[in-house]
Amino acid sequence: MRKVYYLSTCDTCKRILKELNISDEIEKQDIKTEKITEEQLEEMRKMAGSYEKLFSKVARKYRELKLKDKNLGEEDFKKYILEEYTFLKRPVFILNDEIFIGNSKKTVLAIGQKLGGTLI
């Protein structure tokens, strides 16, 4: 499977997709218009090792809901990601048997290498 979960309204996601020159052979899912299913999230968790690795602690709602002050467990991370798309750390690329989570420079470079291309 070759898929990217992203947010079309996120400038960082748009920049990364452009830099990586993502072709139509990679399925794209805009998580704002097409919600993540529990099955999709479970698949990501299996590849990532935990829901926490998929959870964005820089999301505005994380501060608004004062989640930093709570002791969140794996089921909490799962629940929040399924309820609110902004809690998914993005973009998430699934390229065959590997998962790449987030927008760090190191992650984007690794995706580019996996795709066999060079960044624009």
PDB file of N, CA and C in Angstrom:
ATOM      1  N   MET A   1       0.837  -1.172   0.000  1.00  0.00           N
ATOM      2  CA  MET A   1       0.000   0.000   0.000  1.00  0.00           C
ATOM      3  C   MET A   1       0.891   1.248   0.000  1.00  0.00           C
ATOM      4  N   ARG A   2       0.481   2.219  -0.773  1.00  0.00           N
ATOM      5  CA  ARG A   2       1.189   3.497  -0.822  1.00  0.00           C
ATOM      6  C   ARG A   2       0.139   4.586  -0.636  1.00  0.00           C
ATOM      7  N   LYS A   3       0.171   5.205   0.546  1.00  0.00           N
ATOM      8  CA  LYS A   3      -0.888   6.143   0.903  1.00  0.00           C
ATOM      9  C   LYS A   3      -0.336   7.247   1.784  1.00  0.00           C
ATOM     10  N   VAL A   4      -0.956   8.422   1.672  1.00  0.00           N
ATOM     11  CA  VAL A   4      -0.614   9.520   2.561  1.00  0.00           C
ATOM     12  C   VAL A   4      -1.898  10.072   3.169  1.00  0.00           C
ATOM     13  N   TYR A   5      -1.868  10.238   4.480  1.00  0.00           N
ATOM     14  CA  TYR A   5      -2.940  10.906   5.210  1.00  0.00           C
ATOM     15  C   TYR A   5      -2.438  12.319   5.473  1.00  0.00           C
ATOM     16  N   TYR A   6      -3.203  13.304   5.024  1.00  0.00           N
ATOM     17  CA  TYR A   6      -2.747  14.687   5.136  1.00  0.00           C
ATOM     18  C   TYR A   6      -3.947  15.596   5.343  1.00  0.00           C
ATOM     19  N   LEU A   7      -3.665  16.881   5.513  1.00  0.00           N
ATOM     20  CA  LEU A   7      -4.704  17.887   5.682  1.00  0.00           C
ATOM     21  C   LEU A   7      -4.525  18.918   4.575  1.00  0.00           C
ATOM     22  N   SER A   8      -5.517  19.040   3.710  1.00  0.00           N
ATOM     23  CA  SER A   8      -5.396  19.922   2.540  1.00  0.00           C
ATOM     24  C   SER A   8      -5.317  21.395   2.919  1.00  0.00           C
ATOM     25  N   THR A   9      -5.763  21.741   4.117  1.00  0.00           N
ATOM     26  CA  THR A   9      -5.717  23.136   4.555  1.00  0.00           C
ATOM     27  C   THR A   9      -4.435  23.470   5.313  1.00  0.00           C
ATOM     28  N   CYS A  10      -3.560  22.492   5.459  1.00  0.00           N
ATOM     29  CA  CYS A  10      -2.302  22.682   6.204  1.00  0.00           C
ATOM     30  C   CYS A  10      -1.185  23.057   5.227  1.00  0.00           C
ATOM     31  N   ASP A  11      -0.625  24.246   5.419  1.00  0.00           N
ATOM     32  CA  ASP A  11       0.452  24.710   4.540  1.00  0.00           C
ATOM     33  C   ASP A  11       1.657  23.785   4.578  1.00  0.00           C
ATOM     34  N   THR A  12       1.967  23.247   5.749  1.00  0.00           N
ATOM     35  CA  THR A  12       3.114  22.345   5.876  1.00  0.00           C
ATOM     36  C   THR A  12       2.878  21.069   5.065  1.00  0.00           C
ATOM     37  N   CYS A  13       1.688  20.496   5.157  1.00  0.00           N
ATOM     38  CA  CYS A  13       1.367  19.295   4.371  1.00  0.00           C
ATOM     39  C   CYS A  13       1.458  19.600   2.883  1.00  0.00           C
ATOM     40  N   LYS A  14       0.897  20.723   2.459  1.00  0.00           N
ATOM     41  CA  LYS A  14       0.936  21.094   1.038  1.00  0.00           C
ATOM     42  C   LYS A  14       2.378  21.250   0.567  1.00  0.00           C
ATOM     43  N   ARG A  15       3.214  21.891   1.386  1.00  0.00           N
ATOM     44  CA  ARG A  15       4.616  22.091   1.015  1.00  0.00           C
ATOM     45  C   ARG A  15       5.331  20.754   0.872  1.00  0.00           C
ATOM     46  N   ILE A  16       5.106  19.848   1.811  1.00  0.00           N
ATOM     47  CA  ILE A  16       5.770  18.544   1.784  1.00  0.00           C
ATOM     48  C   ILE A  16       5.332  17.739   0.557  1.00  0.00           C
ATOM     49  N   LEU A  17       4.045  17.727   0.265  1.00  0.00           N
ATOM     50  CA  LEU A  17       3.562  16.990  -0.907  1.00  0.00           C
ATOM     51  C   LEU A  17       4.171  17.565  -2.175  1.00  0.00           C
ATOM     52  N   LYS A  18       4.311  18.883  -2.225  1.00  0.00           N
ATOM     53  CA  LYS A  18       4.917  19.514  -3.403  1.00  0.00           C
ATOM     54  C   LYS A  18       6.410  19.182  -3.477  1.00  0.00           C
ATOM     55  N   GLU A  19       7.117  19.298  -2.347  1.00  0.00           N
ATOM     56  CA  GLU A  19       8.559  19.008  -2.316  1.00  0.00           C
ATOM     57  C   GLU A  19       8.846  17.576  -2.753  1.00  0.00           C
ATOM     58  N   LEU A  20       7.990  16.655  -2.330  1.00  0.00           N
ATOM     59  CA  LEU A  20       8.197  15.240  -2.645  1.00  0.00           C
ATOM     60  C   LEU A  20       7.660  14.871  -4.020  1.00  0.00           C
ATOM     61  N   ASN A  21       6.968  15.816  -4.646  1.00  0.00           N
ATOM     62  CA  ASN A  21       6.427  15.599  -5.988  1.00  0.00           C
ATOM     63  C   ASN A  21       5.604  14.307  -6.021  1.00  0.00           C
ATOM     64  N   ILE A  22       4.629  14.224  -5.132  1.00  0.00           N
ATOM     65  CA  ILE A  22       3.823  13.017  -4.961  1.00  0.00           C
ATOM     66  C   ILE A  22       2.983  12.752  -6.208  1.00  0.00           C
ATOM     67  N   SER A  23       3.150  11.576  -6.755  1.00  0.00           N
ATOM     68  CA  SER A  23       2.438  11.203  -7.988  1.00  0.00           C
ATOM     69  C   SER A  23       1.080  10.593  -7.637  1.00  0.00           C
ATOM     70  N   ASP A  24       0.301  10.325  -8.673  1.00  0.00           N
ATOM     71  CA  ASP A  24      -1.022   9.736  -8.491  1.00  0.00           C
ATOM     72  C   ASP A  24      -0.957   8.272  -8.071  1.00  0.00           C
ATOM     73  N   GLU A  25       0.232   7.676  -8.136  1.00  0.00           N
ATOM     74  CA  GLU A  25       0.337   6.271  -7.718  1.00  0.00           C
ATOM     75  C   GLU A  25       0.275   6.137  -6.196  1.00  0.00           C
ATOM     76  N   ILE A  26       0.365   7.261  -5.495  1.00  0.00           N
ATOM     77  CA  ILE A  26       0.212   7.247  -4.037  1.00  0.00           C
ATOM     78  C   ILE A  26      -1.174   7.789  -3.724  1.00  0.00           C
ATOM     79  N   GLU A  27      -1.964   6.961  -3.061  1.00  0.00           N
ATOM     80  CA  GLU A  27      -3.323   7.367  -2.692  1.00  0.00           C
ATOM     81  C   GLU A  27      -3.246   8.470  -1.641  1.00  0.00           C
ATOM     82  N   LYS A  28      -4.084   9.494  -1.807  1.00  0.00           N
ATOM     83  CA  LYS A  28      -4.106  10.619  -0.867  1.00  0.00           C
ATOM     84  C   LYS A  28      -5.453  10.643  -0.161  1.00  0.00           C
ATOM     85  N   GLN A  29      -5.401  10.826   1.154  1.00  0.00           N
ATOM     86  CA  GLN A  29      -6.641  10.960   1.923  1.00  0.00           C
ATOM     87  C   GLN A  29      -6.571  12.230   2.742  1.00  0.00           C
ATOM     88  N   ASP A  30      -7.424  13.189   2.387  1.00  0.00           N
ATOM     89  CA  ASP A  30      -7.540  14.434   3.141  1.00  0.00           C
ATOM     90  C   ASP A  30      -8.377  14.121   4.377  1.00  0.00           C
ATOM     91  N   ILE A  31      -7.747  14.130   5.541  1.00  0.00           N
ATOM     92  CA  ILE A  31      -8.423  13.682   6.761  1.00  0.00           C
ATOM     93  C   ILE A  31      -9.511  14.640   7.239  1.00  0.00           C
ATOM     94  N   LYS A  32      -9.563  15.820   6.648  1.00  0.00           N
ATOM     95  CA  LYS A  32     -10.638  16.755   7.010  1.00  0.00           C
ATOM     96  C   LYS A  32     -11.924  16.393   6.278  1.00  0.00           C
ATOM     97  N   THR A  33     -11.816  15.992   5.029  1.00  0.00           N
ATOM     98  CA  THR A  33     -13.006  15.687   4.238  1.00  0.00           C
ATOM     99  C   THR A  33     -13.353  14.193   4.251  1.00  0.00           C
ATOM    100  N   GLU A  34     -12.364  13.347   4.544  1.00  0.00           N
ATOM    101  CA  GLU A  34     -12.589  11.901   4.625  1.00  0.00           C
ATOM    102  C   GLU A  34     -11.981  11.406   5.930  1.00  0.00           C
ATOM    103  N   LYS A  35     -12.831  11.309   6.948  1.00  0.00           N
ATOM    104  CA  LYS A  35     -12.356  10.957   8.285  1.00  0.00           C
ATOM    105  C   LYS A  35     -11.601   9.631   8.302  1.00  0.00           C
ATOM    106  N   ILE A  36     -10.670   9.552   9.220  1.00  0.00           N
ATOM    107  CA  ILE A  36      -9.918   8.311   9.439  1.00  0.00           C
ATOM    108  C   ILE A  36     -10.858   7.312  10.097  1.00  0.00           C
ATOM    109  N   THR A  37     -10.852   6.098   9.600  1.00  0.00           N
ATOM    110  CA  THR A  37     -11.672   5.055  10.215  1.00  0.00           C
ATOM    111  C   THR A  37     -10.882   4.393  11.347  1.00  0.00           C
ATOM    112  N   GLU A  38     -11.590   3.704  12.188  1.00  0.00           N
ATOM    113  CA  GLU A  38     -10.940   2.981  13.277  1.00  0.00           C
ATOM    114  C   GLU A  38      -9.985   1.923  12.714  1.00  0.00           C
ATOM    115  N   GLU A  39     -10.378   1.282  11.611  1.00  0.00           N
ATOM    116  CA  GLU A  39      -9.538   0.263  10.987  1.00  0.00           C
ATOM    117  C   GLU A  39      -8.241   0.884  10.446  1.00  0.00           C
ATOM    118  N   GLN A  40      -8.345   2.050   9.808  1.00  0.00           N
ATOM    119  CA  GLN A  40      -7.156   2.733   9.294  1.00  0.00           C
ATOM    120  C   GLN A  40      -6.228   3.123  10.446  1.00  0.00           C
ATOM    121  N   LEU A  41      -6.810   3.648  11.505  1.00  0.00           N
ATOM    122  CA  LEU A  41      -6.002   4.056  12.655  1.00  0.00           C
ATOM    123  C   LEU A  41      -5.323   2.847  13.295  1.00  0.00           C
ATOM    124  N   GLU A  42      -6.038   1.733  13.374  1.00  0.00           N
ATOM    125  CA  GLU A  42      -5.459   0.516  13.947  1.00  0.00           C
ATOM    126  C   GLU A  42      -4.287   0.025  13.097  1.00  0.00           C
ATOM    127  N   GLU A  43      -4.426   0.109  11.780  1.00  0.00           N
ATOM    128  CA  GLU A  43      -3.334  -0.282  10.884  1.00  0.00           C
ATOM    129  C   GLU A  43      -2.103   0.614  11.128  1.00  0.00           C
ATOM    130  N   MET A  44      -2.346   1.920  11.258  1.00  0.00           N
ATOM    131  CA  MET A  44      -1.242   2.849  11.529  1.00  0.00           C
ATOM    132  C   MET A  44      -0.588   2.535  12.874  1.00  0.00           C
ATOM    133  N   ARG A  45      -1.413   2.222  13.879  1.00  0.00           N
ATOM    134  CA  ARG A  45      -0.875   1.914  15.209  1.00  0.00           C
ATOM    135  C   ARG A  45      -0.001   0.668  15.181  1.00  0.00           C
ATOM    136  N   LYS A  46      -0.434  -0.339  14.446  1.00  0.00           N
ATOM    137  CA  LYS A  46       0.358  -1.570  14.349  1.00  0.00           C
ATOM    138  C   LYS A  46       1.729  -1.269  13.749  1.00  0.00           C
ATOM    139  N   MET A  47       1.760  -0.408  12.746  1.00  0.00           N
ATOM    140  CA  MET A  47       3.026  -0.077  12.091  1.00  0.00           C
ATOM    141  C   MET A  47       3.883   0.849  12.954  1.00  0.00           C
ATOM    142  N   ALA A  48       3.234   1.775  13.659  1.00  0.00           N
ATOM    143  CA  ALA A  48       3.959   2.765  14.458  1.00  0.00           C
ATOM    144  C   ALA A  48       4.356   2.233  15.830  1.00  0.00           C
ATOM    145  N   GLY A  49       3.589   1.287  16.350  1.00  0.00           N
ATOM    146  CA  GLY A  49       3.886   0.734  17.666  1.00  0.00           C
ATOM    147  C   GLY A  49       3.006   1.282  18.772  1.00  0.00           C
ATOM    148  N   SER A  50       2.400   2.451  18.564  1.00  0.00           N
ATOM    149  CA  SER A  50       1.501   3.008  19.579  1.00  0.00           C
ATOM    150  C   SER A  50       0.658   4.123  18.966  1.00  0.00           C
ATOM    151  N   TYR A  51      -0.452   4.407  19.628  1.00  0.00           N
ATOM    152  CA  TYR A  51      -1.270   5.547  19.215  1.00  0.00           C
ATOM    153  C   TYR A  51      -0.567   6.854  19.569  1.00  0.00           C
ATOM    154  N   GLU A  52       0.187   6.841  20.646  1.00  0.00           N
ATOM    155  CA  GLU A  52       0.863   8.061  21.084  1.00  0.00           C
ATOM    156  C   GLU A  52       1.813   8.593  20.007  1.00  0.00           C
ATOM    157  N   LYS A  53       2.476   7.701  19.273  1.00  0.00           N
ATOM    158  CA  LYS A  53       3.382   8.136  18.208  1.00  0.00           C
ATOM    159  C   LYS A  53       2.633   8.835  17.080  1.00  0.00           C
ATOM    160  N   LEU A  54       1.347   8.561  16.951  1.00  0.00           N
ATOM    161  CA  LEU A  54       0.519   9.168  15.907  1.00  0.00           C
ATOM    162  C   LEU A  54      -0.167  10.442  16.381  1.00  0.00           C
ATOM    163  N   PHE A  55      -0.070  10.717  17.662  1.00  0.00           N
ATOM    164  CA  PHE A  55      -0.807  11.812  18.291  1.00  0.00           C
ATOM    165  C   PHE A  55       0.002  13.105  18.275  1.00  0.00           C
ATOM    166  N   SER A  56      -0.640  14.177  17.853  1.00  0.00           N
ATOM    167  CA  SER A  56       0.025  15.477  17.805  1.00  0.00           C
ATOM    168  C   SER A  56      -0.210  16.251  19.098  1.00  0.00           C
ATOM    169  N   LYS A  57       0.873  16.465  19.815  1.00  0.00           N
ATOM    170  CA  LYS A  57       0.782  17.230  21.057  1.00  0.00           C
ATOM    171  C   LYS A  57       0.954  18.726  20.819  1.00  0.00           C
ATOM    172  N   VAL A  58       1.083  19.122  19.554  1.00  0.00           N
ATOM    173  CA  VAL A  58       1.166  20.549  19.232  1.00  0.00           C
ATOM    174  C   VAL A  58      -0.152  21.063  18.647  1.00  0.00           C
ATOM    175  N   ALA A  59      -1.150  20.194  18.564  1.00  0.00           N
ATOM    176  CA  ALA A  59      -2.458  20.616  18.069  1.00  0.00           C
ATOM    177  C   ALA A  59      -3.054  21.653  19.020  1.00  0.00           C
ATOM    178  N   ARG A  60      -3.723  22.647  18.437  1.00  0.00           N
ATOM    179  CA  ARG A  60      -4.347  23.700  19.240  1.00  0.00           C
ATOM    180  C   ARG A  60      -5.295  23.122  20.282  1.00  0.00           C
ATOM    181  N   LYS A  61      -6.056  22.123  19.879  1.00  0.00           N
ATOM    182  CA  LYS A  61      -7.036  21.521  20.795  1.00  0.00           C
ATOM    183  C   LYS A  61      -6.362  20.841  21.985  1.00  0.00           C
ATOM    184  N   TYR A  62      -5.118  20.412  21.803  1.00  0.00           N
ATOM    185  CA  TYR A  62      -4.379  19.787  22.909  1.00  0.00           C
ATOM    186  C   TYR A  62      -4.244  20.785  24.053  1.00  0.00           C
ATOM    187  N   ARG A  63      -3.943  22.023  23.705  1.00  0.00           N
ATOM    188  CA  ARG A  63      -3.842  23.076  24.730  1.00  0.00           C
ATOM    189  C   ARG A  63      -5.220  23.488  25.220  1.00  0.00           C
ATOM    190  N   GLU A  64      -6.161  23.666  24.286  1.00  0.00           N
ATOM    191  CA  GLU A  64      -7.513  24.097  24.644  1.00  0.00           C
ATOM    192  C   GLU A  64      -8.174  23.151  25.641  1.00  0.00           C
ATOM    193  N   LEU A  65      -7.999  21.865  25.419  1.00  0.00           N
ATOM    194  CA  LEU A  65      -8.614  20.862  26.292  1.00  0.00           C
ATOM    195  C   LEU A  65      -7.753  20.548  27.516  1.00  0.00           C
ATOM    196  N   LYS A  66      -6.607  21.239  27.620  1.00  0.00           N
ATOM    197  CA  LYS A  66      -5.663  21.042  28.739  1.00  0.00           C
ATOM    198  C   LYS A  66      -5.270  19.570  28.909  1.00  0.00           C
ATOM    199  N   LEU A  67      -5.038  18.910  27.768  1.00  0.00           N
ATOM    200  CA  LEU A  67      -4.679  17.491  27.804  1.00  0.00           C
ATOM    201  C   LEU A  67      -3.285  17.273  28.364  1.00  0.00           C
ATOM    202  N   LYS A  68      -2.442  18.318  28.296  1.00  0.00           N
ATOM    203  CA  LYS A  68      -1.089  18.209  28.847  1.00  0.00           C
ATOM    204  C   LYS A  68      -1.130  17.888  30.344  1.00  0.00           C
ATOM    205  N   ASP A  69      -2.180  18.380  30.995  1.00  0.00           N
ATOM    206  CA  ASP A  69      -2.313  18.193  32.441  1.00  0.00           C
ATOM    207  C   ASP A  69      -2.947  16.861  32.819  1.00  0.00           C
ATOM    208  N   LYS A  70      -3.335  16.088  31.807  1.00  0.00           N
ATOM    209  CA  LYS A  70      -3.975  14.796  32.069  1.00  0.00           C
ATOM    210  C   LYS A  70      -3.002  13.666  31.769  1.00  0.00           C
ATOM    211  N   ASN A  71      -3.210  12.559  32.424  1.00  0.00           N
ATOM    212  CA  ASN A  71      -2.396  11.370  32.198  1.00  0.00           C
ATOM    213  C   ASN A  71      -3.101  10.512  31.151  1.00  0.00           C
ATOM    214  N   LEU A  72      -2.735  10.713  29.882  1.00  0.00           N
ATOM    215  CA  LEU A  72      -3.410  10.019  28.785  1.00  0.00           C
ATOM    216  C   LEU A  72      -2.794   8.648  28.528  1.00  0.00           C
ATOM    217  N   GLY A  73      -3.656   7.689  28.270  1.00  0.00           N
ATOM    218  CA  GLY A  73      -3.210   6.346  27.914  1.00  0.00           C
ATOM    219  C   GLY A  73      -3.479   6.071  26.443  1.00  0.00           C
ATOM    220  N   GLU A  74      -3.141   4.892  25.986  1.00  0.00           N
ATOM    221  CA  GLU A  74      -3.293   4.530  24.579  1.00  0.00           C
ATOM    222  C   GLU A  74      -4.738   4.665  24.094  1.00  0.00           C
ATOM    223  N   GLU A  75      -5.692   4.236  24.901  1.00  0.00           N
ATOM    224  CA  GLU A  75      -7.104   4.341  24.490  1.00  0.00           C
ATOM    225  C   GLU A  75      -7.537   5.800  24.382  1.00  0.00           C
ATOM    226  N   ASP A  76      -6.969   6.672  25.231  1.00  0.00           N
ATOM    227  CA  ASP A  76      -7.277   8.104  25.152  1.00  0.00           C
ATOM    228  C   ASP A  76      -6.753   8.681  23.845  1.00  0.00           C
ATOM    229  N   PHE A  77      -5.504   8.350  23.488  1.00  0.00           N
ATOM    230  CA  PHE A  77      -4.923   8.844  22.238  1.00  0.00           C
ATOM    231  C   PHE A  77      -5.779   8.391  21.059  1.00  0.00           C
ATOM    232  N   LYS A  78      -6.189   7.135  21.064  1.00  0.00           N
ATOM    233  CA  LYS A  78      -7.024   6.587  19.992  1.00  0.00           C
ATOM    234  C   LYS A  78      -8.338   7.358  19.905  1.00  0.00           C
ATOM    235  N   LYS A  79      -8.985   7.542  21.037  1.00  0.00           N
ATOM    236  CA  LYS A  79     -10.281   8.225  21.077  1.00  0.00           C
ATOM    237  C   LYS A  79     -10.178   9.643  20.531  1.00  0.00           C
ATOM    238  N   TYR A  80      -9.165  10.383  20.971  1.00  0.00           N
ATOM    239  CA  TYR A  80      -9.026  11.773  20.520  1.00  0.00           C
ATOM    240  C   TYR A  80      -8.709  11.858  19.022  1.00  0.00           C
ATOM    241  N   ILE A  81      -7.875  10.981  18.514  1.00  0.00           N
ATOM    242  CA  ILE A  81      -7.558  11.003  17.076  1.00  0.00           C
ATOM    243  C   ILE A  81      -8.810  10.714  16.252  1.00  0.00           C
ATOM    244  N   LEU A  82      -9.611   9.752  16.697  1.00  0.00           N
ATOM    245  CA  LEU A  82     -10.829   9.414  15.960  1.00  0.00           C
ATOM    246  C   LEU A  82     -11.878  10.521  16.052  1.00  0.00           C
ATOM    247  N   GLU A  83     -11.919  11.229  17.177  1.00  0.00           N
ATOM    248  CA  GLU A  83     -12.905  12.298  17.358  1.00  0.00           C
ATOM    249  C   GLU A  83     -12.523  13.577  16.624  1.00  0.00           C
ATOM    250  N   GLU A  84     -11.239  13.888  16.562  1.00  0.00           N
ATOM    251  CA  GLU A  84     -10.786  15.179  16.039  1.00  0.00           C
ATOM    252  C   GLU A  84      -9.566  14.979  15.147  1.00  0.00           C
ATOM    253  N   TYR A  85      -9.728  15.242  13.848  1.00  0.00           N
ATOM    254  CA  TYR A  85      -8.652  14.986  12.877  1.00  0.00           C
ATOM    255  C   TYR A  85      -7.366  15.746  13.185  1.00  0.00           C
ATOM    256  N   THR A  86      -7.455  16.878  13.861  1.00  0.00           N
ATOM    257  CA  THR A  86      -6.245  17.665  14.121  1.00  0.00           C
ATOM    258  C   THR A  86      -5.290  16.969  15.095  1.00  0.00           C
ATOM    259  N   PHE A  87      -5.765  15.925  15.775  1.00  0.00           N
ATOM    260  CA  PHE A  87      -4.893  15.212  16.707  1.00  0.00           C
ATOM    261  C   PHE A  87      -3.959  14.218  16.010  1.00  0.00           C
ATOM    262  N   LEU A  88      -4.174  13.957  14.734  1.00  0.00           N
ATOM    263  CA  LEU A  88      -3.256  13.070  14.015  1.00  0.00           C
ATOM    264  C   LEU A  88      -2.020  13.865  13.617  1.00  0.00           C
ATOM    265  N   LYS A  89      -0.859  13.386  14.015  1.00  0.00           N
ATOM    266  CA  LYS A  89       0.399  14.016  13.595  1.00  0.00           C
ATOM    267  C   LYS A  89       0.531  13.776  12.103  1.00  0.00           C
ATOM    268  N   ARG A  90       0.718  14.854  11.347  1.00  0.00           N
ATOM    269  CA  ARG A  90       0.681  14.707   9.900  1.00  0.00           C
ATOM    270  C   ARG A  90       1.830  15.396   9.205  1.00  0.00           C
ATOM    271  N   PRO A  91       2.031  14.954   7.969  1.00  0.00           N
ATOM    272  CA  PRO A  91       1.338  13.876   7.259  1.00  0.00           C
ATOM    273  C   PRO A  91       1.804  12.504   7.754  1.00  0.00           C
ATOM    274  N   VAL A  92       1.002  11.503   7.438  1.00  0.00           N
ATOM    275  CA  VAL A  92       1.381  10.112   7.703  1.00  0.00           C
ATOM    276  C   VAL A  92       1.471   9.427   6.344  1.00  0.00           C
ATOM    277  N   PHE A  93       2.667   8.942   6.037  1.00  0.00           N
ATOM    278  CA  PHE A  93       2.887   8.194   4.801  1.00  0.00           C
ATOM    279  C   PHE A  93       3.004   6.720   5.140  1.00  0.00           C
ATOM    280  N   ILE A  94       2.287   5.895   4.392  1.00  0.00           N
ATOM    281  CA  ILE A  94       2.472   4.448   4.463  1.00  0.00           C
ATOM    282  C   ILE A  94       2.988   4.042   3.088  1.00  0.00           C
ATOM    283  N   LEU A  95       4.222   3.584   3.080  1.00  0.00           N
ATOM    284  CA  LEU A  95       4.862   3.175   1.830  1.00  0.00           C
ATOM    285  C   LEU A  95       5.243   1.712   1.970  1.00  0.00           C
ATOM    286  N   ASN A  96       4.376   0.885   1.422  1.00  0.00           N
ATOM    287  CA  ASN A  96       4.508  -0.558   1.509  1.00  0.00           C
ATOM    288  C   ASN A  96       4.508  -0.987   2.967  1.00  0.00           C
ATOM    289  N   ASP A  97       5.626  -1.414   3.515  1.00  0.00           N
ATOM    290  CA  ASP A  97       5.642  -1.922   4.885  1.00  0.00           C
ATOM    291  C   ASP A  97       6.237  -0.938   5.878  1.00  0.00           C
ATOM    292  N   GLU A  98       6.370   0.322   5.490  1.00  0.00           N
ATOM    293  CA  GLU A  98       6.946   1.334   6.384  1.00  0.00           C
ATOM    294  C   GLU A  98       5.987   2.483   6.594  1.00  0.00           C
ATOM    295  N   ILE A  99       6.056   3.065   7.801  1.00  0.00           N
ATOM    296  CA  ILE A  99       5.233   4.223   8.122  1.00  0.00           C
ATOM    297  C   ILE A  99       6.149   5.393   8.454  1.00  0.00           C
ATOM    298  N   PHE A 100       5.779   6.560   7.992  1.00  0.00           N
ATOM    299  CA  PHE A 100       6.520   7.797   8.258  1.00  0.00           C
ATOM    300  C   PHE A 100       5.519   8.793   8.825  1.00  0.00           C
ATOM    301  N   ILE A 101       5.810   9.298  10.021  1.00  0.00           N
ATOM    302  CA  ILE A 101       4.852  10.128  10.745  1.00  0.00           C
ATOM    303  C   ILE A 101       5.432  11.512  10.993  1.00  0.00           C
ATOM    304  N   GLY A 102       4.692  12.522  10.592  1.00  0.00           N
ATOM    305  CA  GLY A 102       5.065  13.889  10.931  1.00  0.00           C
ATOM    306  C   GLY A 102       5.832  14.608   9.847  1.00  0.00           C
ATOM    307  N   ASN A 103       6.266  15.822  10.202  1.00  0.00           N
ATOM    308  CA  ASN A 103       6.840  16.712   9.205  1.00  0.00           C
ATOM    309  C   ASN A 103       8.257  17.165   9.520  1.00  0.00           C
ATOM    310  N   SER A 104       8.950  16.419  10.369  1.00  0.00           N
ATOM    311  CA  SER A 104      10.331  16.804  10.667  1.00  0.00           C
ATOM    312  C   SER A 104      11.174  16.662   9.401  1.00  0.00           C
ATOM    313  N   LYS A 105      12.234  17.436   9.343  1.00  0.00           N
ATOM    314  CA  LYS A 105      13.125  17.404   8.181  1.00  0.00           C
ATOM    315  C   LYS A 105      13.652  15.983   7.952  1.00  0.00           C
ATOM    316  N   LYS A 106      14.022  15.312   9.032  1.00  0.00           N
ATOM    317  CA  LYS A 106      14.549  13.951   8.956  1.00  0.00           C
ATOM    318  C   LYS A 106      13.512  12.988   8.354  1.00  0.00           C
ATOM    319  N   THR A 107      12.264  13.128   8.779  1.00  0.00           N
ATOM    320  CA  THR A 107      11.193  12.269   8.274  1.00  0.00           C
ATOM    321  C   THR A 107      10.938  12.520   6.797  1.00  0.00           C
ATOM    322  N   VAL A 108      10.876  13.799   6.407  1.00  0.00           N
ATOM    323  CA  VAL A 108      10.623  14.150   5.004  1.00  0.00           C
ATOM    324  C   VAL A 108      11.759  13.640   4.112  1.00  0.00           C
ATOM    325  N   LEU A 109      13.000  13.749   4.581  1.00  0.00           N
ATOM    326  CA  LEU A 109      14.134  13.227   3.818  1.00  0.00           C
ATOM    327  C   LEU A 109      14.038  11.708   3.663  1.00  0.00           C
ATOM    328  N   ALA A 110      13.628  11.032   4.731  1.00  0.00           N
ATOM    329  CA  ALA A 110      13.492   9.572   4.682  1.00  0.00           C
ATOM    330  C   ALA A 110      12.406   9.163   3.691  1.00  0.00           C
ATOM    331  N   ILE A 111      11.311   9.916   3.655  1.00  0.00           N
ATOM    332  CA  ILE A 111      10.241   9.632   2.686  1.00  0.00           C
ATOM    333  C   ILE A 111      10.776   9.813   1.268  1.00  0.00           C
ATOM    334  N   GLY A 112      11.485  10.917   1.042  1.00  0.00           N
ATOM    335  CA  GLY A 112      12.065  11.177  -0.262  1.00  0.00           C
ATOM    336  C   GLY A 112      12.999  10.070  -0.707  1.00  0.00           C
ATOM    337  N   GLN A 113      13.809   9.575   0.220  1.00  0.00           N
ATOM    338  CA  GLN A 113      14.715   8.469  -0.113  1.00  0.00           C
ATOM    339  C   GLN A 113      13.944   7.195  -0.435  1.00  0.00           C
ATOM    340  N   LYS A 114      12.905   6.928   0.343  1.00  0.00           N
ATOM    341  CA  LYS A 114      12.096   5.735   0.119  1.00  0.00           C
ATOM    342  C   LYS A 114      11.411   5.781  -1.253  1.00  0.00           C
ATOM    343  N   LEU A 115      10.994   6.990  -1.643  1.00  0.00           N
ATOM    344  CA  LEU A 115      10.341   7.168  -2.940  1.00  0.00           C
ATOM    345  C   LEU A 115      11.351   7.172  -4.091  1.00  0.00           C
ATOM    346  N   GLY A 116      12.640   7.226  -3.732  1.00  0.00           N
ATOM    347  CA  GLY A 116      13.669   7.177  -4.747  1.00  0.00           C
ATOM    348  C   GLY A 116      13.836   8.459  -5.523  1.00  0.00           C
ATOM    349  N   GLY A 117      13.292   9.515  -4.981  1.00  0.00           N
ATOM    350  CA  GLY A 117      13.383  10.803  -5.680  1.00  0.00           C
ATOM    351  C   GLY A 117      14.244  11.789  -4.918  1.00  0.00           C
ATOM    352  N   THR A 118      14.322  12.944  -5.468  1.00  0.00           N
ATOM    353  CA  THR A 118      15.022  14.027  -4.787  1.00  0.00           C
ATOM    354  C   THR A 118      14.033  15.119  -4.488  1.00  0.00           C
ATOM    355  N   LEU A 119      14.296  15.853  -3.447  1.00  0.00           N
ATOM    356  CA  LEU A 119      13.403  16.942  -3.077  1.00  0.00           C
ATOM    357  C   LEU A 119      13.593  18.112  -4.025  1.00  0.00           C
ATOM    358  N   ILE A 120      12.508  18.785  -4.291  1.00  0.00           N
ATOM    359  CA  ILE A 120      12.541  19.960  -5.172  1.00  0.00           C
ATOM    360  C   ILE A 120      13.184  21.115  -4.449  1.00  0.00           C
TER     361      ILE A 120
END
